[in-house]
C-alpha cells in the first residue's frame, strides 16, 4: 500500500465527554448533566478521525492498552489507515467536562500512554512519499517516553523526508523549566509549531497574546512557522516575519473537545495539497468550527 502524504503520531485514548455544567459542584454532591458521550480521542486520535471524516488518506501510528477498551478503541479507527502497537497496560481514559460556553477541562488516568515506548514508534516511520508530505506529533506531554525522545523522532522524520509539525499540548506539570527547555528545543527542530493561544502565552511567559506571539516567533528560523489557534477568534500563523490570519465563522458550540486537533488535520491536509498558508488556515478554521457545532460530528460540509 502506498505511503500517504500525512503521518499522525502520538496519543490515542478513550474520551468520556460530559456536560455542560455552569461552575463546579460542591465537594460531596452529585449533579446530572444533559449529555455524555464515550468516543475515541486523544490529540493524535482526533486528528486521524478528522482526516478520515474528510476522506483524506493518512497513516496513524499509535498504541492502545491490552484490555477490552483498547480493542474497542483500535476498532473505532479506519483499519486501512492505522498501525497499532499494543502496550501491556490498561487503556488510558480521559474524562472531559464541558463548561457552559463550550470550553472544557480534562481528567486523565495514565494508562497505556505512560507505557508507550519510543522505539516502537521509531520502527514504524516510513520514508516520505514526496516533498509535500507532513508528519504531525501530537499529545506528547502525556507520554513520558515520547517526551524524552521527541527531538530524536523529529530528526528521524527529517532524515526520512517528512516536513514536521508538533502539537505537544499543555504539560500536566505546567510550564516547568524542564518543559520549557524541551519545548524550545522542539521549536528549533520543527517546521510547523501548532499551539493554542494559552500554550503560546504559557510558553512565552506573557499573558498578552500579541506580545507572546512576538516572543515565540523570534525564536523561529527561516522557513519555520508558528501557528496560533485562537478558538472563536480563528487562527494565525507567523513565518519569516509575515503574519497570516483567518477568522472563525460564528457557530453554536456543542463542545470544543478536539477542535485544535481537527484544525491540525485540515490545515496540514491543505499544505500537503500545496494550497499555501492562507488557504490552509481557512481550511483548518472551517473544519474545527464545523466539528464543534455538530452532533454527531461532521468534518466537511
C-alpha atoms as a PDB file:
ATOM      1  CA  UNK A   1       0.000   0.000   0.000  1.00  0.00           C
ATOM      2  CA  UNK A   2       1.475   3.408  -0.956  1.00  0.00           C
ATOM      3  CA  UNK A   3       2.593   5.675   1.885  1.00  0.00           C
ATOM      4  CA  UNK A   4       0.113   8.578   2.206  1.00  0.00           C
ATOM      5  CA  UNK A   5       1.359  12.177   2.488  1.00  0.00           C
ATOM      6  CA  UNK A   6       0.096  12.652   6.068  1.00  0.00           C
ATOM      7  CA  UNK A   7       1.560  10.811   9.056  1.00  0.00           C
ATOM      8  CA  UNK A   8      -0.011  11.196  12.527  1.00  0.00           C
ATOM      9  CA  UNK A   9       1.937  10.130  15.617  1.00  0.00           C
ATOM     10  CA  UNK A  10       1.103  10.427  19.310  1.00  0.00           C
ATOM     11  CA  UNK A  11      -1.640   9.861  21.847  1.00  0.00           C
ATOM     12  CA  UNK A  12      -4.820   7.913  21.218  1.00  0.00           C
ATOM     13  CA  UNK A  13      -7.108   7.252  24.173  1.00  0.00           C
ATOM     14  CA  UNK A  14     -10.730   6.938  25.205  1.00  0.00           C
ATOM     15  CA  UNK A  15     -12.581  10.209  25.813  1.00  0.00           C
ATOM     16  CA  UNK A  16     -15.639  10.321  28.046  1.00  0.00           C
ATOM     17  CA  UNK A  17     -17.150  13.748  27.408  1.00  0.00           C
ATOM     18  CA  UNK A  18     -19.877  15.041  29.738  1.00  0.00           C
ATOM     19  CA  UNK A  19     -21.642  18.359  30.151  1.00  0.00           C
ATOM     20  CA  UNK A  20     -22.430  21.026  30.117  1.00  0.00           C
ATOM     21  CA  UNK A  21     -22.024  22.462  33.604  1.00  0.00           C
ATOM     22  CA  UNK A  22     -22.181  26.012  34.884  1.00  0.00           C
ATOM     23  CA  UNK A  23     -19.482  26.042  37.553  1.00  0.00           C
ATOM     24  CA  UNK A  24     -18.149  23.198  39.677  1.00  0.00           C
ATOM     25  CA  UNK A  25     -20.490  21.417  42.126  1.00  0.00           C
ATOM     26  CA  UNK A  26     -19.659  21.400  45.819  1.00  0.00           C
ATOM     27  CA  UNK A  27     -17.480  18.552  47.087  1.00  0.00           C
ATOM     28  CA  UNK A  28     -19.579  15.583  48.199  1.00  0.00           C
ATOM     29  CA  UNK A  29     -22.559  16.415  45.988  1.00  0.00           C
ATOM     30  CA  UNK A  30     -23.845  14.981  42.721  1.00  0.00           C
ATOM     31  CA  UNK A  31     -25.285  16.682  39.658  1.00  0.00           C
ATOM     32  CA  UNK A  32     -26.937  15.407  36.482  1.00  0.00           C
ATOM     33  CA  UNK A  33     -25.612  16.624  33.127  1.00  0.00           C
ATOM     34  CA  UNK A  34     -27.702  16.675  29.944  1.00  0.00           C
ATOM     35  CA  UNK A  35     -25.272  14.809  27.694  1.00  0.00           C
ATOM     36  CA  UNK A  36     -22.476  12.267  27.755  1.00  0.00           C
ATOM     37  CA  UNK A  37     -20.554  10.536  25.007  1.00  0.00           C
ATOM     38  CA  UNK A  38     -17.787   7.940  25.069  1.00  0.00           C
ATOM     39  CA  UNK A  39     -15.688   8.240  21.953  1.00  0.00           C
ATOM     40  CA  UNK A  40     -12.201   7.608  20.604  1.00  0.00           C
ATOM     41  CA  UNK A  41      -9.967  10.572  21.255  1.00  0.00           C
ATOM     42  CA  UNK A  42      -6.565  11.857  22.202  1.00  0.00           C
ATOM     43  CA  UNK A  43      -4.865  14.580  20.225  1.00  0.00           C
ATOM     44  CA  UNK A  44      -3.428  12.268  17.560  1.00  0.00           C
ATOM     45  CA  UNK A  45      -6.624  10.219  17.584  1.00  0.00           C
ATOM     46  CA  UNK A  46      -8.817  13.243  16.979  1.00  0.00           C
ATOM     47  CA  UNK A  47      -6.604  14.343  14.097  1.00  0.00           C
ATOM     48  CA  UNK A  48      -6.836  10.913  12.472  1.00  0.00           C
ATOM     49  CA  UNK A  49     -10.612  10.793  12.949  1.00  0.00           C
ATOM     50  CA  UNK A  50     -10.940  14.201  11.308  1.00  0.00           C
ATOM     51  CA  UNK A  51      -8.810  13.112   8.356  1.00  0.00           C
ATOM     52  CA  UNK A  52     -10.966  10.004   7.949  1.00  0.00           C
ATOM     53  CA  UNK A  53     -14.102  12.133   8.225  1.00  0.00           C
ATOM     54  CA  UNK A  54     -12.813  14.353   5.435  1.00  0.00           C
ATOM     55  CA  UNK A  55     -11.857  11.356   3.307  1.00  0.00           C
ATOM     56  CA  UNK A  56      -8.144  12.228   3.351  1.00  0.00           C
ATOM     57  CA  UNK A  57      -5.521   9.489   3.074  1.00  0.00           C
ATOM     58  CA  UNK A  58      -3.211   9.289   6.087  1.00  0.00           C
ATOM     59  CA  UNK A  59      -1.322   6.912   8.350  1.00  0.00           C
ATOM     60  CA  UNK A  60      -1.898   6.887  12.129  1.00  0.00           C
ATOM     61  CA  UNK A  61       0.804   5.229  14.243  1.00  0.00           C
ATOM     62  CA  UNK A  62      -0.204   4.879  17.889  1.00  0.00           C
ATOM     63  CA  UNK A  63      -0.637   2.475  20.794  1.00  0.00           C
ATOM     64  CA  UNK A  64      -3.508   1.058  22.839  1.00  0.00           C
ATOM     65  CA  UNK A  65      -3.759  -0.996  26.020  1.00  0.00           C
ATOM     66  CA  UNK A  66      -4.236  -4.760  26.055  1.00  0.00           C
ATOM     67  CA  UNK A  67      -7.723  -4.632  27.581  1.00  0.00           C
ATOM     68  CA  UNK A  68     -11.219  -4.637  26.108  1.00  0.00           C
ATOM     69  CA  UNK A  69     -11.216  -0.864  25.929  1.00  0.00           C
ATOM     70  CA  UNK A  70      -8.062  -0.973  23.815  1.00  0.00           C
ATOM     71  CA  UNK A  71      -9.727  -3.351  21.362  1.00  0.00           C
ATOM     72  CA  UNK A  72     -12.767  -1.077  21.146  1.00  0.00           C
ATOM     73  CA  UNK A  73     -10.517   1.949  20.659  1.00  0.00           C
ATOM     74  CA  UNK A  74      -8.488   0.444  17.813  1.00  0.00           C
ATOM     75  CA  UNK A  75     -11.642  -0.761  16.060  1.00  0.00           C
ATOM     76  CA  UNK A  76     -13.021   2.795  16.138  1.00  0.00           C
ATOM     77  CA  UNK A  77     -10.440   3.930  13.578  1.00  0.00           C
ATOM     78  CA  UNK A  78     -10.076   3.195   9.878  1.00  0.00           C
ATOM     79  CA  UNK A  79      -8.088  -0.054   9.862  1.00  0.00           C
ATOM     80  CA  UNK A  80      -6.623   0.709   6.438  1.00  0.00           C
ATOM     81  CA  UNK A  81      -5.084   3.918   7.806  1.00  0.00           C
ATOM     82  CA  UNK A  82      -3.882   2.695  11.216  1.00  0.00           C
ATOM     83  CA  UNK A  83      -0.814   0.962  12.637  1.00  0.00           C
ATOM     84  CA  UNK A  84      -1.233  -0.166  16.254  1.00  0.00           C
ATOM     85  CA  UNK A  85       1.221  -1.125  18.974  1.00  0.00           C
ATOM     86  CA  UNK A  86      -0.311  -2.939  21.960  1.00  0.00           C
ATOM     87  CA  UNK A  87       1.106  -1.958  25.351  1.00  0.00           C
ATOM     88  CA  UNK A  88       0.929  -4.261  28.374  1.00  0.00           C
ATOM     89  CA  UNK A  89      -1.351  -1.926  30.300  1.00  0.00           C
ATOM     90  CA  UNK A  90      -4.909  -0.764  30.699  1.00  0.00           C
ATOM     91  CA  UNK A  91      -6.064   1.793  28.151  1.00  0.00           C
ATOM     92  CA  UNK A  92      -5.858   5.475  29.029  1.00  0.00           C
ATOM     93  CA  UNK A  93      -9.190   7.206  29.654  1.00  0.00           C
ATOM     94  CA  UNK A  94      -9.735  10.974  29.692  1.00  0.00           C
ATOM     95  CA  UNK A  95     -12.887  12.467  31.185  1.00  0.00           C
ATOM     96  CA  UNK A  96     -13.723  15.787  29.564  1.00  0.00           C
ATOM     97  CA  UNK A  97     -16.097  18.095  31.412  1.00  0.00           C
ATOM     98  CA  UNK A  98     -17.683  20.680  29.133  1.00  0.00           C
ATOM     99  CA  UNK A  99     -18.478  24.004  30.769  1.00  0.00           C
ATOM    100  CA  UNK A 100     -21.140  26.484  29.758  1.00  0.00           C
ATOM    101  CA  UNK A 101     -19.979  28.223  26.603  1.00  0.00           C
ATOM    102  CA  UNK A 102     -18.240  25.124  25.262  1.00  0.00           C
ATOM    103  CA  UNK A 103     -14.840  25.238  26.973  1.00  0.00           C
ATOM    104  CA  UNK A 104     -13.582  22.096  28.701  1.00  0.00           C
ATOM    105  CA  UNK A 105     -11.247  20.561  31.263  1.00  0.00           C
ATOM    106  CA  UNK A 106      -9.769  17.049  31.239  1.00  0.00           C
ATOM    107  CA  UNK A 107      -9.104  14.473  33.933  1.00  0.00           C
ATOM    108  CA  UNK A 108      -6.767  11.789  32.542  1.00  0.00           C
ATOM    109  CA  UNK A 109      -5.638   8.489  34.065  1.00  0.00           C
ATOM    110  CA  UNK A 110      -2.106   7.425  32.989  1.00  0.00           C
ATOM    111  CA  UNK A 111      -2.917   4.039  31.427  1.00  0.00           C
ATOM    112  CA  UNK A 112      -1.148   2.815  28.316  1.00  0.00           C
ATOM    113  CA  UNK A 113       0.202   6.222  27.321  1.00  0.00           C
ATOM    114  CA  UNK A 114       2.646   6.079  30.230  1.00  0.00           C
ATOM    115  CA  UNK A 115       3.880   2.700  28.983  1.00  0.00           C
ATOM    116  CA  UNK A 116       4.205   3.566  25.283  1.00  0.00           C
ATOM    117  CA  UNK A 117       7.756   3.030  24.024  1.00  0.00           C
ATOM    118  CA  UNK A 118       9.561   5.426  21.705  1.00  0.00           C
ATOM    119  CA  UNK A 119      11.375   2.584  19.935  1.00  0.00           C
ATOM    120  CA  UNK A 120       8.038   1.093  18.852  1.00  0.00           C
ATOM    121  CA  UNK A 121       7.196   4.404  17.198  1.00  0.00           C
ATOM    122  CA  UNK A 122      10.589   4.859  15.567  1.00  0.00           C
ATOM    123  CA  UNK A 123      10.335   1.404  13.995  1.00  0.00           C
ATOM    124  CA  UNK A 124       7.157   2.402  12.123  1.00  0.00           C
ATOM    125  CA  UNK A 125       8.395   5.570  10.389  1.00  0.00           C
ATOM    126  CA  UNK A 126       8.350   5.166   6.587  1.00  0.00           C
ATOM    127  CA  UNK A 127      10.124   7.343   4.061  1.00  0.00           C
ATOM    128  CA  UNK A 128       8.046  10.309   2.943  1.00  0.00           C
ATOM    129  CA  UNK A 129       6.398   9.770  -0.445  1.00  0.00           C
ATOM    130  CA  UNK A 130       7.028  13.342  -1.621  1.00  0.00           C
ATOM    131  CA  UNK A 131       8.343  16.744  -0.609  1.00  0.00           C
ATOM    132  CA  UNK A 132       4.794  17.796   0.288  1.00  0.00           C
ATOM    133  CA  UNK A 133       4.398  15.150   2.982  1.00  0.00           C
ATOM    134  CA  UNK A 134       3.755  16.110   6.601  1.00  0.00           C
ATOM    135  CA  UNK A 135       4.251  14.242   9.867  1.00  0.00           C
ATOM    136  CA  UNK A 136       2.466  15.565  12.956  1.00  0.00           C
ATOM    137  CA  UNK A 137       3.447  14.628  16.525  1.00  0.00           C
ATOM    138  CA  UNK A 138       0.543  15.244  18.907  1.00  0.00           C
ATOM    139  CA  UNK A 139      -0.095  14.979  22.639  1.00  0.00           C
ATOM    140  CA  UNK A 140       3.453  14.045  23.573  1.00  0.00           C
ATOM    141  CA  UNK A 141       3.320  15.547  27.053  1.00  0.00           C
ATOM    142  CA  UNK A 142       1.058  12.652  28.115  1.00  0.00           C
ATOM    143  CA  UNK A 143       3.657  10.083  27.001  1.00  0.00           C
ATOM    144  CA  UNK A 144       6.887  10.122  29.067  1.00  0.00           C
ATOM    145  CA  UNK A 145       8.908   8.097  26.563  1.00  0.00           C
ATOM    146  CA  UNK A 146       7.844  10.375  23.719  1.00  0.00           C
ATOM    147  CA  UNK A 147       8.649  13.499  25.737  1.00  0.00           C
ATOM    148  CA  UNK A 148      12.203  12.259  26.224  1.00  0.00           C
ATOM    149  CA  UNK A 149      12.568  11.209  22.598  1.00  0.00           C
ATOM    150  CA  UNK A 150      10.699  13.865  20.619  1.00  0.00           C
ATOM    151  CA  UNK A 151      13.879  15.527  19.370  1.00  0.00           C
ATOM    152  CA  UNK A 152      15.190  12.154  18.185  1.00  0.00           C
ATOM    153  CA  UNK A 153      11.869  11.467  16.468  1.00  0.00           C
ATOM    154  CA  UNK A 154      11.860  14.861  14.741  1.00  0.00           C
ATOM    155  CA  UNK A 155      15.379  14.286  13.430  1.00  0.00           C
ATOM    156  CA  UNK A 156      14.431  10.835  12.120  1.00  0.00           C
ATOM    157  CA  UNK A 157      11.369  12.236  10.366  1.00  0.00           C
ATOM    158  CA  UNK A 158      13.552  14.863   8.715  1.00  0.00           C
ATOM    159  CA  UNK A 159      16.015  12.206   7.537  1.00  0.00           C
ATOM    160  CA  UNK A 160      13.080  10.277   6.086  1.00  0.00           C
ATOM    161  CA  UNK A 161      11.998  13.321   4.087  1.00  0.00           C
ATOM    162  CA  UNK A 162       8.971  14.478   6.103  1.00  0.00           C
ATOM    163  CA  UNK A 163       8.058  18.071   6.824  1.00  0.00           C
ATOM    164  CA  UNK A 164       7.352  18.126  10.547  1.00  0.00           C
ATOM    165  CA  UNK A 165       4.643  19.578  12.756  1.00  0.00           C
ATOM    166  CA  UNK A 166       4.166  19.350  16.505  1.00  0.00           C
ATOM    167  CA  UNK A 167       1.232  19.929  18.835  1.00  0.00           C
ATOM    168  CA  UNK A 168       2.536  18.820  22.242  1.00  0.00           C
ATOM    169  CA  UNK A 169      -0.444  20.084  24.229  1.00  0.00           C
ATOM    170  CA  UNK A 170      -0.402  21.517  27.728  1.00  0.00           C
ATOM    171  CA  UNK A 171       2.087  19.782  30.057  1.00  0.00           C
ATOM    172  CA  UNK A 172       0.319  18.249  33.099  1.00  0.00           C
ATOM    173  CA  UNK A 173       3.110  19.560  35.340  1.00  0.00           C
ATOM    174  CA  UNK A 174       2.758  23.055  33.890  1.00  0.00           C
ATOM    175  CA  UNK A 175       5.466  25.092  32.203  1.00  0.00           C
ATOM    176  CA  UNK A 176       8.357  23.991  34.382  1.00  0.00           C
ATOM    177  CA  UNK A 177      11.899  24.938  33.436  1.00  0.00           C
ATOM    178  CA  UNK A 178      12.433  21.428  32.037  1.00  0.00           C
ATOM    179  CA  UNK A 179       9.256  21.519  29.942  1.00  0.00           C
ATOM    180  CA  UNK A 180      10.093  24.942  28.574  1.00  0.00           C
ATOM    181  CA  UNK A 181      13.615  23.839  27.662  1.00  0.00           C
ATOM    182  CA  UNK A 182      12.233  20.786  25.855  1.00  0.00           C
ATOM    183  CA  UNK A 183       9.647  22.852  24.026  1.00  0.00           C
ATOM    184  CA  UNK A 184      12.187  25.407  22.857  1.00  0.00           C
ATOM    185  CA  UNK A 185      14.384  22.595  21.543  1.00  0.00           C
ATOM    186  CA  UNK A 186      11.418  21.138  19.648  1.00  0.00           C
ATOM    187  CA  UNK A 187      10.624  24.574  18.214  1.00  0.00           C
ATOM    188  CA  UNK A 188      14.172  24.765  16.881  1.00  0.00           C
ATOM    189  CA  UNK A 189      13.735  21.465  15.023  1.00  0.00           C
ATOM    190  CA  UNK A 190      10.183  21.575  13.676  1.00  0.00           C
ATOM    191  CA  UNK A 191       8.747  23.109  10.507  1.00  0.00           C
ATOM    192  CA  UNK A 192       5.306  23.897  11.993  1.00  0.00           C
ATOM    193  CA  UNK A 193       4.551  24.515  15.676  1.00  0.00           C
ATOM    194  CA  UNK A 194       0.795  24.121  16.213  1.00  0.00           C
ATOM    195  CA  UNK A 195      -0.108  25.766  19.530  1.00  0.00           C
ATOM    196  CA  UNK A 196      -3.263  27.215  21.016  1.00  0.00           C
ATOM    197  CA  UNK A 197      -3.354  30.710  22.455  1.00  0.00           C
ATOM    198  CA  UNK A 198      -2.985  29.583  26.076  1.00  0.00           C
ATOM    199  CA  UNK A 199       0.006  27.417  25.211  1.00  0.00           C
ATOM    200  CA  UNK A 200       1.641  30.323  23.399  1.00  0.00           C
ATOM    201  CA  UNK A 201       1.159  32.584  26.420  1.00  0.00           C
ATOM    202  CA  UNK A 202       2.346  29.913  28.847  1.00  0.00           C
ATOM    203  CA  UNK A 203       5.474  29.056  26.900  1.00  0.00           C
ATOM    204  CA  UNK A 204       6.324  32.721  26.324  1.00  0.00           C
ATOM    205  CA  UNK A 205       5.561  33.591  29.968  1.00  0.00           C
ATOM    206  CA  UNK A 206       3.429  36.506  28.827  1.00  0.00           C
ATOM    207  CA  UNK A 207      -0.333  36.894  29.338  1.00  0.00           C
ATOM    208  CA  UNK A 208      -0.551  39.302  26.405  1.00  0.00           C
ATOM    209  CA  UNK A 209      -1.106  37.082  23.373  1.00  0.00           C
ATOM    210  CA  UNK A 210       0.283  39.515  20.812  1.00  0.00           C
ATOM    211  CA  UNK A 211       3.450  40.000  22.861  1.00  0.00           C
ATOM    212  CA  UNK A 212       3.741  36.244  23.403  1.00  0.00           C
ATOM    213  CA  UNK A 213       3.479  35.597  19.668  1.00  0.00           C
ATOM    214  CA  UNK A 214       6.278  38.081  19.013  1.00  0.00           C
ATOM    215  CA  UNK A 215       8.485  36.413  21.637  1.00  0.00           C
ATOM    216  CA  UNK A 216       7.982  32.889  20.323  1.00  0.00           C
ATOM    217  CA  UNK A 217       8.170  33.765  16.640  1.00  0.00           C
ATOM    218  CA  UNK A 218      11.514  35.468  17.316  1.00  0.00           C
ATOM    219  CA  UNK A 219      12.879  32.007  18.133  1.00  0.00           C
ATOM    220  CA  UNK A 220      11.982  30.636  14.705  1.00  0.00           C
ATOM    221  CA  UNK A 221      14.494  30.176  11.938  1.00  0.00           C
ATOM    222  CA  UNK A 222      13.967  30.777   8.250  1.00  0.00           C
ATOM    223  CA  UNK A 223      11.084  28.771   6.830  1.00  0.00           C
ATOM    224  CA  UNK A 224       9.696  27.781  10.229  1.00  0.00           C
ATOM    225  CA  UNK A 225       6.068  28.575  11.060  1.00  0.00           C
ATOM    226  CA  UNK A 226       4.317  29.282  14.355  1.00  0.00           C
ATOM    227  CA  UNK A 227       0.577  28.578  14.140  1.00  0.00           C
ATOM    228  CA  UNK A 228      -1.676  30.026  16.837  1.00  0.00           C
ATOM    229  CA  UNK A 229      -5.133  28.503  17.322  1.00  0.00           C
ATOM    230  CA  UNK A 230      -7.365  31.157  18.887  1.00  0.00           C
ATOM    231  CA  UNK A 231     -10.701  29.410  19.330  1.00  0.00           C
ATOM    232  CA  UNK A 232     -13.637  31.653  18.368  1.00  0.00           C
ATOM    233  CA  UNK A 233     -11.153  34.237  17.092  1.00  0.00           C
ATOM    234  CA  UNK A 234      -9.877  31.886  14.407  1.00  0.00           C
ATOM    235  CA  UNK A 235      -6.195  31.206  13.816  1.00  0.00           C
ATOM    236  CA  UNK A 236      -2.994  32.945  12.811  1.00  0.00           C
ATOM    237  CA  UNK A 237       0.425  31.967  11.526  1.00  0.00           C
ATOM    238  CA  UNK A 238       3.812  33.684  11.578  1.00  0.00           C
ATOM    239  CA  UNK A 239       6.521  32.729   9.086  1.00  0.00           C
ATOM    240  CA  UNK A 240       9.628  34.719   8.187  1.00  0.00           C
ATOM    241  CA  UNK A 241       8.151  37.796   9.862  1.00  0.00           C
ATOM    242  CA  UNK A 242       4.882  37.631   7.917  1.00  0.00           C
ATOM    243  CA  UNK A 243       1.563  37.295   9.764  1.00  0.00           C
ATOM    244  CA  UNK A 244      -1.430  35.492   8.257  1.00  0.00           C
ATOM    245  CA  UNK A 245      -4.829  35.142   9.905  1.00  0.00           C
ATOM    246  CA  UNK A 246      -8.223  33.540   9.355  1.00  0.00           C
ATOM    247  CA  UNK A 247     -11.472  34.355  11.147  1.00  0.00           C
ATOM    248  CA  UNK A 248     -13.759  31.667  12.525  1.00  0.00           C
ATOM    249  CA  UNK A 249     -17.406  31.668  11.434  1.00  0.00           C
ATOM    250  CA  UNK A 250     -19.993  32.177  14.189  1.00  0.00           C
ATOM    251  CA  UNK A 251     -21.364  28.813  15.343  1.00  0.00           C
ATOM    252  CA  UNK A 252     -23.412  27.433  18.223  1.00  0.00           C
ATOM    253  CA  UNK A 253     -20.869  25.394  20.160  1.00  0.00           C
ATOM    254  CA  UNK A 254     -21.755  21.901  21.380  1.00  0.00           C
ATOM    255  CA  UNK A 255     -18.314  21.045  22.747  1.00  0.00           C
ATOM    256  CA  UNK A 256     -14.781  22.082  21.876  1.00  0.00           C
ATOM    257  CA  UNK A 257     -13.013  18.790  22.622  1.00  0.00           C
ATOM    258  CA  UNK A 258     -10.713  18.057  19.693  1.00  0.00           C
ATOM    259  CA  UNK A 259     -11.201  21.403  17.983  1.00  0.00           C
ATOM    260  CA  UNK A 260      -7.492  22.111  17.721  1.00  0.00           C
ATOM    261  CA  UNK A 261      -6.775  18.579  16.531  1.00  0.00           C
ATOM    262  CA  UNK A 262      -9.378  18.932  13.796  1.00  0.00           C
ATOM    263  CA  UNK A 263      -7.782  22.224  12.795  1.00  0.00           C
ATOM    264  CA  UNK A 264      -4.418  20.440  12.556  1.00  0.00           C
ATOM    265  CA  UNK A 265      -5.896  17.808  10.244  1.00  0.00           C
ATOM    266  CA  UNK A 266      -7.440  20.230   7.772  1.00  0.00           C
ATOM    267  CA  UNK A 267      -4.501  22.658   7.947  1.00  0.00           C
ATOM    268  CA  UNK A 268      -1.855  20.034   7.200  1.00  0.00           C
ATOM    269  CA  UNK A 269      -4.016  18.369   4.558  1.00  0.00           C
ATOM    270  CA  UNK A 270      -4.242  21.672   2.700  1.00  0.00           C
ATOM    271  CA  UNK A 271      -0.477  22.148   2.919  1.00  0.00           C
ATOM    272  CA  UNK A 272       0.058  18.642   1.542  1.00  0.00           C
ATOM    273  CA  UNK A 273      -2.034  19.730  -1.455  1.00  0.00           C
ATOM    274  CA  UNK A 274       0.265  22.763  -1.770  1.00  0.00           C
ATOM    275  CA  UNK A 275      -2.586  25.220  -1.248  1.00  0.00           C
ATOM    276  CA  UNK A 276      -0.491  27.739   0.705  1.00  0.00           C
ATOM    277  CA  UNK A 277      -0.554  29.090   4.250  1.00  0.00           C
ATOM    278  CA  UNK A 278      -3.601  31.356   3.996  1.00  0.00           C
ATOM    279  CA  UNK A 279      -5.781  28.688   2.426  1.00  0.00           C
ATOM    280  CA  UNK A 280      -4.551  26.142   4.968  1.00  0.00           C
ATOM    281  CA  UNK A 281      -5.544  28.409   7.872  1.00  0.00           C
ATOM    282  CA  UNK A 282      -9.001  28.897   6.385  1.00  0.00           C
ATOM    283  CA  UNK A 283      -9.473  25.154   5.848  1.00  0.00           C
ATOM    284  CA  UNK A 284      -8.417  24.494   9.435  1.00  0.00           C
ATOM    285  CA  UNK A 285     -10.725  27.080  10.958  1.00  0.00           C
ATOM    286  CA  UNK A 286     -13.732  25.943   8.922  1.00  0.00           C
ATOM    287  CA  UNK A 287     -13.229  22.277   9.785  1.00  0.00           C
ATOM    288  CA  UNK A 288     -12.793  22.974  13.503  1.00  0.00           C
ATOM    289  CA  UNK A 289     -15.849  25.242  13.593  1.00  0.00           C
ATOM    290  CA  UNK A 290     -17.989  22.587  11.930  1.00  0.00           C
ATOM    291  CA  UNK A 291     -16.749  19.835  14.240  1.00  0.00           C
ATOM    292  CA  UNK A 292     -17.522  21.677  17.475  1.00  0.00           C
ATOM    293  CA  UNK A 293     -21.030  22.654  16.352  1.00  0.00           C
ATOM    294  CA  UNK A 294     -22.368  19.308  15.077  1.00  0.00           C
ATOM    295  CA  UNK A 295     -23.527  16.122  16.807  1.00  0.00           C
ATOM    296  CA  UNK A 296     -22.724  13.544  15.603  1.00  0.00           C
ATOM    297  CA  UNK A 297     -19.642  15.358  14.446  1.00  0.00           C
ATOM    298  CA  UNK A 298     -19.109  16.443  10.868  1.00  0.00           C
ATOM    299  CA  UNK A 299     -15.742  17.473   9.455  1.00  0.00           C
ATOM    300  CA  UNK A 300     -16.767  18.616   5.989  1.00  0.00           C
ATOM    301  CA  UNK A 301     -19.977  20.106   4.659  1.00  0.00           C
END
